[in-house]
C-alpha atoms as a PDB file:
ATOM      1  CA  MET A   1      10.466 -13.890  -3.999  1.00  0.00           C
ATOM      2  CA  ALA A   2       7.074 -14.893  -2.598  1.00  0.00           C
ATOM      3  CA  HIS A   3       5.525 -12.936   0.253  1.00  0.00           C
ATOM      4  CA  LEU A   4       3.505 -14.424   3.051  1.00  0.00           C
ATOM      5  CA  GLY A   5      -0.173 -13.455   3.131  1.00  0.00           C
ATOM      6  CA  ASP A   6      -1.623 -11.058   5.689  1.00  0.00           C
ATOM      7  CA  GLY A   7      -3.376 -13.745   7.683  1.00  0.00           C
ATOM      8  CA  ASP A   8      -0.337 -15.975   8.161  1.00  0.00           C
ATOM      9  CA  LEU A   9       0.693 -14.350  11.447  1.00  0.00           C
ATOM     10  CA  PRO A  10      -1.396 -12.832  14.239  1.00  0.00           C
ATOM     11  CA  GLY A  11      -1.739  -9.066  14.083  1.00  0.00           C
ATOM     12  CA  TYR A  12      -1.209  -8.671  10.344  1.00  0.00           C
ATOM     13  CA  GLU A  13      -4.763  -9.490   9.300  1.00  0.00           C
ATOM     14  CA  GLU A  14      -5.981  -6.573  11.422  1.00  0.00           C
ATOM     15  CA  ILE A  15      -3.500  -4.277   9.687  1.00  0.00           C
ATOM     16  CA  GLY A  16      -4.930  -5.271   6.323  1.00  0.00           C
ATOM     17  CA  GLU A  17      -8.470  -4.689   7.555  1.00  0.00           C
ATOM     18  CA  ARG A  18      -7.643  -1.231   8.951  1.00  0.00           C
ATOM     19  CA  LEU A  19      -5.805  -0.128   5.842  1.00  0.00           C
ATOM     20  CA  THR A  20      -8.484  -1.543   3.539  1.00  0.00           C
ATOM     21  CA  GLU A  21     -11.040   0.577   5.377  1.00  0.00           C
ATOM     22  CA  GLU A  22      -8.764   3.631   5.420  1.00  0.00           C
ATOM     23  CA  PHE A  23      -8.008   3.423   1.694  1.00  0.00           C
ATOM     24  CA  GLY A  24     -11.438   2.155   0.588  1.00  0.00           C
ATOM     25  CA  GLY A  25     -12.389   3.718  -2.722  1.00  0.00           C
ATOM     26  CA  VAL A  26      -8.729   4.523  -3.404  1.00  0.00           C
ATOM     27  CA  HIS A  27      -7.104   1.073  -3.529  1.00  0.00           C
ATOM     28  CA  ALA A  28      -8.522  -2.396  -4.054  1.00  0.00           C
ATOM     29  CA  PRO A  29      -8.256  -4.772  -1.084  1.00  0.00           C
ATOM     30  CA  GLU A  30      -5.764  -6.857  -3.084  1.00  0.00           C
ATOM     31  CA  THR A  31      -3.471  -3.844  -3.414  1.00  0.00           C
ATOM     32  CA  VAL A  32      -3.639  -3.237   0.328  1.00  0.00           C
ATOM     33  CA  SER A  33      -2.891  -6.895   0.991  1.00  0.00           C
ATOM     34  CA  ARG A  34       0.142  -6.828  -1.318  1.00  0.00           C
ATOM     35  CA  CYS A  35       1.450  -3.657   0.346  1.00  0.00           C
ATOM     36  CA  VAL A  36       1.119  -5.182   3.817  1.00  0.00           C
ATOM     37  CA  ALA A  37       2.873  -8.364   2.692  1.00  0.00           C
ATOM     38  CA  ALA A  38       5.648  -6.387   0.960  1.00  0.00           C
ATOM     39  CA  ALA A  39       6.085  -4.122   3.999  1.00  0.00           C
ATOM     40  CA  ARG A  40       6.371  -7.130   6.282  1.00  0.00           C
ATOM     41  CA  HIS A  41       8.897  -8.790   4.005  1.00  0.00           C
ATOM     42  CA  GLY A  42      10.926  -5.592   3.598  1.00  0.00           C
ATOM     43  CA  ALA A  43      10.952  -4.836   7.317  1.00  0.00           C
ATOM     44  CA  HIS A  44      12.137  -8.354   8.046  1.00  0.00           C
ATOM     45  CA  GLU A  45      14.844  -8.173   5.380  1.00  0.00           C
ATOM     46  CA  VAL A  46      16.185  -4.818   6.608  1.00  0.00           C
ATOM     47  CA  THR A  47      15.809  -5.090  10.388  1.00  0.00           C
ATOM     48  CA  GLY A  48      15.532  -8.831  10.962  1.00  0.00           C
ATOM     49  CA  ALA A  49      12.074  -8.370  12.466  1.00  0.00           C
ATOM     50  CA  ALA A  50       8.671  -7.167  11.321  1.00  0.00           C
ATOM     51  CA  SER A  51       6.683  -5.754  14.203  1.00  0.00           C
ATOM     52  CA  PRO A  52       3.039  -5.049  13.329  1.00  0.00           C
ATOM     53  CA  ASP A  53       3.486  -1.328  14.129  1.00  0.00           C
ATOM     54  CA  LEU A  54       6.407  -0.977  11.733  1.00  0.00           C
ATOM     55  CA  VAL A  55       4.660  -2.980   9.020  1.00  0.00           C
ATOM     56  CA  GLU A  56       1.536  -0.838   9.302  1.00  0.00           C
ATOM     57  CA  ARG A  57       3.524   2.407   9.049  1.00  0.00           C
ATOM     58  CA  ILE A  58       5.446   1.178   6.003  1.00  0.00           C
ATOM     59  CA  ALA A  59       2.344  -0.174   4.254  1.00  0.00           C
ATOM     60  CA  ARG A  60       0.389   3.036   4.950  1.00  0.00           C
ATOM     61  CA  LYS A  61       3.203   5.148   3.482  1.00  0.00           C
ATOM     62  CA  HIS A  62       3.359   2.929   0.370  1.00  0.00           C
ATOM     63  CA  LEU A  63      -0.404   3.226  -0.102  1.00  0.00           C
ATOM     64  CA  GLN A  64      -0.245   7.007   0.292  1.00  0.00           C
ATOM     65  CA  VAL A  65       2.497   7.235  -2.323  1.00  0.00           C
ATOM     66  CA  LEU A  66       0.565   5.002  -4.723  1.00  0.00           C
ATOM     67  CA  ALA A  67      -2.513   7.200  -4.267  1.00  0.00           C
ATOM     68  CA  THR A  68      -0.476  10.344  -4.935  1.00  0.00           C
ATOM     69  CA  VAL A  69       1.040   8.872  -8.096  1.00  0.00           C
ATOM     70  CA  ALA A  70      -2.368   7.714  -9.347  1.00  0.00           C
ATOM     71  CA  ALA A  71      -3.877  11.160  -8.709  1.00  0.00           C
ATOM     72  CA  GLU A  72      -1.002  12.847 -10.570  1.00  0.00           C
ATOM     73  CA  LYS A  73      -1.366  10.501 -13.547  1.00  0.00           C
ATOM     74  CA  LEU A  74      -5.092  11.221 -13.630  1.00  0.00           C
ATOM     75  CA  ARG A  75      -4.438  14.963 -13.435  1.00  0.00           C
ATOM     76  CA  GLN A  76      -1.922  14.785 -16.274  1.00  0.00           C
ATOM     77  CA  ALA A  77      -4.232  12.652 -18.395  1.00  0.00           C
ATOM     78  CA  SER A  78      -7.092  15.126 -17.973  1.00  0.00           C
ATOM     79  CA  ARG A  79      -4.804  18.037 -18.966  1.00  0.00           C
ATOM     80  CA  THR A  80      -3.714  16.169 -22.091  1.00  0.00           C
ATOM     81  CA  THR A  81      -7.312  15.296 -22.950  1.00  0.00           C
ATOM     82  CA  LEU A  82      -8.281  18.960 -22.690  1.00  0.00           C
ATOM     83  CA  GLY A  83      -5.393  20.012 -24.928  1.00  0.00           C
ATOM     84  CA  ASN A  84      -3.581  21.738 -22.063  1.00  0.00           C
ATOM     85  CA  ALA A  85      -0.413  19.699 -22.228  1.00  0.00           C
ATOM     86  CA  PRO A  86       2.814  21.726 -21.953  1.00  0.00           C
END
């Protein structure tokens, strides 16, 4: 199902800008934009509304989880490269 872009409704573009700055160097702006759009869609599907505050909290949590997973994959890859795999 297609998601609306960040700039389609007032308030969501600012969320994307804040999160892009917060996660700069960790996630590409496109990733942040997709997370904001997915959070808005999910919030609307579950609660029937998608307040900017809720969307920002959901998107931030998704981005944090993605960063944690990426860091763990990198850590595991470096262990394997060094011959330290279990």
